[in-house]
Amino acid sequence: MLENKKQVNIIRGLRTLEWLKNQLLKSVAAVFVSLTEGCIESAVNALADIMIGCYLLARRLNVSFIQLELALEEKVRYSREQGHELERNHGDISDLLHYLRSRHKE
């Protein structure tokens, strides 16, 4: 009986992961469709869905939200140090790093 319950939980977990992956792909597609249609509001909503999906997928993989955010901040910091093209041309990486750091102070 306990073994069956374990198997059901594993299957449920796998289905959840597949559903989250599917939602992420649909959201990425929605961003591209929104941009081709010139609908910024829809693109912003799809981008928000992607962010939500990433957080929830991380949680299902036993990665805490803070772990994910720390990894994100580290990648952004590294991109800035490496002179990422968006940093060189627009300063976007520094802006993002500043924003991420300011969120931790709240």
N, C-alpha and C. Protein backbone atom coordinates (compact mmCIF):
# COMPACT_ATOMS: atom_id res chain seq x y z
N MET A 1 0.81 -1.20 0.00
CA MET A 1 0.00 0.00 0.00
C MET A 1 0.86 1.26 0.00
N LEU A 2 1.88 1.28 0.86
CA LEU A 2 2.77 2.44 0.95
C LEU A 2 3.55 2.62 -0.36
N GLU A 3 3.92 1.50 -0.98
CA GLU A 3 4.64 1.55 -2.26
C GLU A 3 3.77 2.17 -3.35
N ASN A 4 2.49 1.83 -3.40
CA ASN A 4 1.56 2.40 -4.37
C ASN A 4 1.42 3.90 -4.18
N LYS A 5 1.36 4.33 -2.94
CA LYS A 5 1.23 5.76 -2.65
C LYS A 5 2.48 6.51 -3.12
N LYS A 6 3.65 5.89 -2.92
CA LYS A 6 4.91 6.48 -3.39
C LYS A 6 4.91 6.63 -4.90
N GLN A 7 4.46 5.57 -5.58
CA GLN A 7 4.42 5.61 -7.04
C GLN A 7 3.46 6.68 -7.54
N VAL A 8 2.32 6.81 -6.89
CA VAL A 8 1.35 7.85 -7.27
C VAL A 8 1.97 9.23 -7.09
N ASN A 9 2.68 9.45 -5.99
CA ASN A 9 3.34 10.74 -5.76
C ASN A 9 4.41 11.02 -6.80
N ILE A 10 5.16 10.01 -7.19
CA ILE A 10 6.19 10.18 -8.22
C ILE A 10 5.54 10.55 -9.55
N ILE A 11 4.49 9.82 -9.91
CA ILE A 11 3.79 10.11 -11.17
C ILE A 11 3.18 11.50 -11.14
N ARG A 12 2.57 11.88 -10.01
CA ARG A 12 1.99 13.21 -9.88
C ARG A 12 3.07 14.28 -10.03
N GLY A 13 4.23 14.04 -9.41
CA GLY A 13 5.35 14.98 -9.52
C GLY A 13 5.83 15.12 -10.95
N LEU A 14 5.94 14.00 -11.66
CA LEU A 14 6.38 14.04 -13.06
C LEU A 14 5.37 14.78 -13.94
N ARG A 15 4.10 14.53 -13.70
CA ARG A 15 3.05 15.23 -14.46
C ARG A 15 3.10 16.73 -14.20
N THR A 16 3.34 17.09 -12.96
CA THR A 16 3.44 18.51 -12.62
C THR A 16 4.62 19.15 -13.33
N LEU A 17 5.77 18.46 -13.34
CA LEU A 17 6.94 18.99 -14.05
C LEU A 17 6.65 19.16 -15.54
N GLU A 18 6.02 18.17 -16.14
CA GLU A 18 5.69 18.26 -17.57
C GLU A 18 4.72 19.40 -17.83
N TRP A 19 3.74 19.58 -16.94
CA TRP A 19 2.78 20.67 -17.11
C TRP A 19 3.48 22.02 -17.01
N LEU A 20 4.37 22.16 -16.03
CA LEU A 20 5.11 23.43 -15.87
C LEU A 20 5.98 23.71 -17.10
N LYS A 21 6.65 22.70 -17.60
CA LYS A 21 7.48 22.88 -18.80
C LYS A 21 6.62 23.31 -19.98
N ASN A 22 5.47 22.69 -20.12
CA ASN A 22 4.56 23.03 -21.19
C ASN A 22 4.09 24.48 -21.07
N GLN A 23 3.75 24.90 -19.85
CA GLN A 23 3.31 26.28 -19.62
C GLN A 23 4.41 27.27 -19.96
N LEU A 24 5.65 26.94 -19.61
CA LEU A 24 6.77 27.82 -19.94
C LEU A 24 6.91 27.98 -21.45
N LEU A 25 6.82 26.89 -22.17
CA LEU A 25 6.94 26.96 -23.63
C LEU A 25 5.79 27.76 -24.24
N LYS A 26 4.58 27.56 -23.73
CA LYS A 26 3.44 28.34 -24.22
C LYS A 26 3.63 29.83 -23.94
N SER A 27 4.19 30.13 -22.79
CA SER A 27 4.41 31.55 -22.44
C SER A 27 5.48 32.18 -23.32
N VAL A 28 6.53 31.44 -23.62
CA VAL A 28 7.57 31.96 -24.53
C VAL A 28 6.96 32.23 -25.90
N ALA A 29 6.16 31.29 -26.38
CA ALA A 29 5.49 31.50 -27.67
C ALA A 29 4.58 32.72 -27.61
N ALA A 30 3.90 32.90 -26.49
CA ALA A 30 2.99 34.05 -26.34
C ALA A 30 3.75 35.37 -26.40
N VAL A 31 4.97 35.40 -25.86
CA VAL A 31 5.79 36.61 -25.94
C VAL A 31 6.05 36.95 -27.41
N PHE A 32 6.47 35.95 -28.19
CA PHE A 32 6.79 36.20 -29.59
C PHE A 32 5.56 36.63 -30.39
N VAL A 33 4.43 35.99 -30.13
CA VAL A 33 3.20 36.38 -30.82
C VAL A 33 2.83 37.81 -30.46
N SER A 34 2.92 38.13 -29.18
CA SER A 34 2.58 39.49 -28.73
C SER A 34 3.47 40.54 -29.39
N LEU A 35 4.75 40.22 -29.50
CA LEU A 35 5.67 41.18 -30.12
C LEU A 35 5.38 41.36 -31.60
N THR A 36 5.04 40.27 -32.29
CA THR A 36 4.73 40.42 -33.72
C THR A 36 3.43 41.19 -33.92
N GLU A 37 2.53 41.11 -32.94
CA GLU A 37 1.27 41.85 -33.02
C GLU A 37 1.39 43.26 -32.45
N GLY A 38 2.55 43.56 -31.86
CA GLY A 38 2.76 44.88 -31.29
C GLY A 38 1.99 45.13 -30.01
N CYS A 39 1.66 44.08 -29.30
CA CYS A 39 0.88 44.21 -28.08
C CYS A 39 1.80 44.04 -26.87
N ILE A 40 2.29 45.16 -26.35
CA ILE A 40 3.24 45.14 -25.24
C ILE A 40 2.59 44.60 -23.97
N GLU A 41 1.33 44.95 -23.73
CA GLU A 41 0.65 44.47 -22.52
C GLU A 41 0.58 42.94 -22.48
N SER A 42 0.28 42.34 -23.61
CA SER A 42 0.26 40.87 -23.68
C SER A 42 1.64 40.29 -23.49
N ALA A 43 2.65 40.95 -24.04
CA ALA A 43 4.02 40.48 -23.89
C ALA A 43 4.44 40.54 -22.42
N VAL A 44 4.08 41.62 -21.73
CA VAL A 44 4.40 41.75 -20.31
C VAL A 44 3.72 40.64 -19.51
N ASN A 45 2.47 40.35 -19.81
CA ASN A 45 1.76 39.27 -19.12
C ASN A 45 2.43 37.92 -19.37
N ALA A 46 2.85 37.68 -20.60
CA ALA A 46 3.51 36.41 -20.91
C ALA A 46 4.87 36.33 -20.22
N LEU A 47 5.59 37.45 -20.16
CA LEU A 47 6.87 37.46 -19.44
C LEU A 47 6.67 37.19 -17.96
N ALA A 48 5.61 37.74 -17.39
CA ALA A 48 5.29 37.46 -15.98
C ALA A 48 4.97 35.98 -15.79
N ASP A 49 4.25 35.40 -16.74
CA ASP A 49 3.95 33.96 -16.67
C ASP A 49 5.23 33.14 -16.71
N ILE A 50 6.20 33.56 -17.52
CA ILE A 50 7.48 32.85 -17.59
C ILE A 50 8.18 32.91 -16.24
N MET A 51 8.19 34.08 -15.64
CA MET A 51 8.85 34.22 -14.34
C MET A 51 8.17 33.35 -13.29
N ILE A 52 6.85 33.36 -13.26
CA ILE A 52 6.12 32.52 -12.31
C ILE A 52 6.46 31.05 -12.56
N GLY A 53 6.44 30.66 -13.82
CA GLY A 53 6.75 29.28 -14.16
C GLY A 53 8.15 28.86 -13.73
N CYS A 54 9.11 29.76 -13.88
CA CYS A 54 10.48 29.45 -13.46
C CYS A 54 10.57 29.25 -11.95
N TYR A 55 9.91 30.11 -11.21
CA TYR A 55 9.92 29.97 -9.75
C TYR A 55 9.26 28.65 -9.33
N LEU A 56 8.13 28.34 -9.94
CA LEU A 56 7.41 27.12 -9.55
C LEU A 56 8.16 25.86 -9.99
N LEU A 57 8.78 25.91 -11.16
CA LEU A 57 9.58 24.78 -11.60
C LEU A 57 10.77 24.57 -10.66
N ALA A 58 11.40 25.65 -10.26
CA ALA A 58 12.52 25.55 -9.30
C ALA A 58 12.04 24.88 -8.02
N ARG A 59 10.90 25.30 -7.54
CA ARG A 59 10.37 24.72 -6.30
C ARG A 59 10.11 23.23 -6.45
N ARG A 60 9.54 22.83 -7.58
CA ARG A 60 9.29 21.40 -7.83
C ARG A 60 10.59 20.61 -7.91
N LEU A 61 11.71 21.29 -8.25
CA LEU A 61 13.03 20.65 -8.32
C LEU A 61 13.79 20.78 -7.00
N ASN A 62 13.06 21.16 -5.95
CA ASN A 62 13.64 21.34 -4.62
C ASN A 62 14.69 22.44 -4.55
N VAL A 63 14.51 23.46 -5.35
CA VAL A 63 15.35 24.65 -5.31
C VAL A 63 14.50 25.75 -4.67
N SER A 64 15.00 26.33 -3.60
CA SER A 64 14.22 27.37 -2.93
C SER A 64 14.19 28.64 -3.78
N PHE A 65 13.21 29.47 -3.51
CA PHE A 65 13.11 30.74 -4.24
C PHE A 65 14.37 31.58 -4.03
N ILE A 66 14.86 31.59 -2.80
CA ILE A 66 16.05 32.39 -2.52
C ILE A 66 17.27 31.83 -3.25
N GLN A 67 17.38 30.49 -3.33
CA GLN A 67 18.48 29.89 -4.09
C GLN A 67 18.42 30.33 -5.54
N LEU A 68 17.23 30.31 -6.10
CA LEU A 68 17.05 30.72 -7.49
C LEU A 68 17.44 32.17 -7.67
N GLU A 69 17.00 33.03 -6.77
CA GLU A 69 17.33 34.45 -6.89
C GLU A 69 18.82 34.71 -6.70
N LEU A 70 19.46 33.98 -5.79
CA LEU A 70 20.90 34.15 -5.60
C LEU A 70 21.66 33.69 -6.84
N ALA A 71 21.23 32.59 -7.46
CA ALA A 71 21.85 32.12 -8.70
C ALA A 71 21.65 33.14 -9.81
N LEU A 72 20.47 33.72 -9.87
CA LEU A 72 20.18 34.75 -10.86
C LEU A 72 21.09 35.95 -10.67
N GLU A 73 21.21 36.40 -9.43
CA GLU A 73 22.06 37.56 -9.15
C GLU A 73 23.51 37.27 -9.51
N GLU A 74 23.97 36.07 -9.23
CA GLU A 74 25.35 35.69 -9.56
C GLU A 74 25.57 35.69 -11.07
N LYS A 75 24.62 35.15 -11.81
CA LYS A 75 24.74 35.14 -13.27
C LYS A 75 24.74 36.56 -13.84
N VAL A 76 23.90 37.41 -13.28
CA VAL A 76 23.85 38.81 -13.74
C VAL A 76 25.17 39.51 -13.43
N ARG A 77 25.68 39.29 -12.23
CA ARG A 77 26.96 39.89 -11.85
C ARG A 77 28.08 39.41 -12.79
N TYR A 78 28.10 38.12 -13.09
CA TYR A 78 29.11 37.55 -13.98
C TYR A 78 28.98 38.15 -15.39
N SER A 79 27.75 38.29 -15.87
CA SER A 79 27.52 38.87 -17.20
C SER A 79 28.06 40.29 -17.27
N ARG A 80 27.85 41.03 -16.20
CA ARG A 80 28.36 42.41 -16.17
C ARG A 80 29.89 42.41 -16.21
N GLU A 81 30.49 41.54 -15.41
CA GLU A 81 31.95 41.48 -15.35
C GLU A 81 32.56 41.06 -16.69
N GLN A 82 31.83 40.22 -17.42
CA GLN A 82 32.32 39.74 -18.71
C GLN A 82 32.05 40.71 -19.85
N GLY A 83 31.42 41.82 -19.55
CA GLY A 83 31.16 42.83 -20.57
C GLY A 83 30.10 42.41 -21.57
N HIS A 84 29.03 41.83 -21.06
CA HIS A 84 27.90 41.41 -21.90
C HIS A 84 27.52 42.55 -22.85
N GLU A 85 27.13 42.19 -24.06
CA GLU A 85 26.79 43.18 -25.08
C GLU A 85 25.70 44.16 -24.63
N LEU A 86 24.70 43.67 -23.92
CA LEU A 86 23.65 44.57 -23.44
C LEU A 86 24.18 45.54 -22.39
N GLU A 87 25.20 45.11 -21.68
CA GLU A 87 25.84 46.01 -20.71
C GLU A 87 26.66 47.08 -21.44
N ARG A 88 27.44 46.65 -22.39
CA ARG A 88 28.28 47.60 -23.14
C ARG A 88 27.44 48.63 -23.89
N ASN A 89 26.36 48.18 -24.50
CA ASN A 89 25.56 49.07 -25.35
C ASN A 89 24.49 49.87 -24.61
N HIS A 90 23.98 49.31 -23.50
CA HIS A 90 22.83 49.95 -22.87
C HIS A 90 22.91 50.07 -21.35
N GLY A 91 23.81 49.32 -20.72
CA GLY A 91 23.89 49.32 -19.26
C GLY A 91 22.78 48.52 -18.60
N ASP A 92 22.10 47.66 -19.38
CA ASP A 92 20.96 46.90 -18.85
C ASP A 92 21.35 45.94 -17.73
N ILE A 93 22.51 45.34 -17.84
CA ILE A 93 22.93 44.35 -16.85
C ILE A 93 23.15 45.03 -15.50
N SER A 94 23.80 46.17 -15.49
CA SER A 94 24.00 46.91 -14.24
C SER A 94 22.67 47.34 -13.64
N ASP A 95 21.74 47.77 -14.49
CA ASP A 95 20.42 48.16 -14.00
C ASP A 95 19.71 46.98 -13.36
N LEU A 96 19.79 45.82 -13.99
CA LEU A 96 19.17 44.63 -13.44
C LEU A 96 19.82 44.22 -12.12
N LEU A 97 21.14 44.26 -12.07
CA LEU A 97 21.84 43.91 -10.84
C LEU A 97 21.45 44.86 -9.70
N HIS A 98 21.38 46.14 -10.01
CA HIS A 98 20.97 47.12 -9.00
C HIS A 98 19.55 46.82 -8.50
N TYR A 99 18.66 46.50 -9.42
CA TYR A 99 17.29 46.18 -9.06
C TYR A 99 17.24 44.94 -8.17
N LEU A 100 17.96 43.88 -8.56
CA LEU A 100 17.95 42.65 -7.77
C LEU A 100 18.50 42.90 -6.36
N ARG A 101 19.56 43.66 -6.25
CA ARG A 101 20.12 43.95 -4.94
C ARG A 101 19.17 44.78 -4.09
N SER A 102 18.47 45.71 -4.71
CA SER A 102 17.55 46.56 -3.95
C SER A 102 16.36 45.76 -3.42
N ARG A 103 15.97 44.71 -4.11
CA ARG A 103 14.86 43.86 -3.65
C ARG A 103 15.22 43.11 -2.38
N HIS A 104 16.48 42.75 -2.23
CA HIS A 104 16.91 42.03 -1.04
C HIS A 104 16.90 42.92 0.20
N LYS A 105 16.93 44.23 0.00
CA LYS A 105 16.97 45.17 1.13
C LYS A 105 15.57 45.45 1.67
N GLU A 106 14.54 45.08 0.92
CA GLU A 106 13.15 45.37 1.35
C GLU A 106 12.76 44.53 2.54
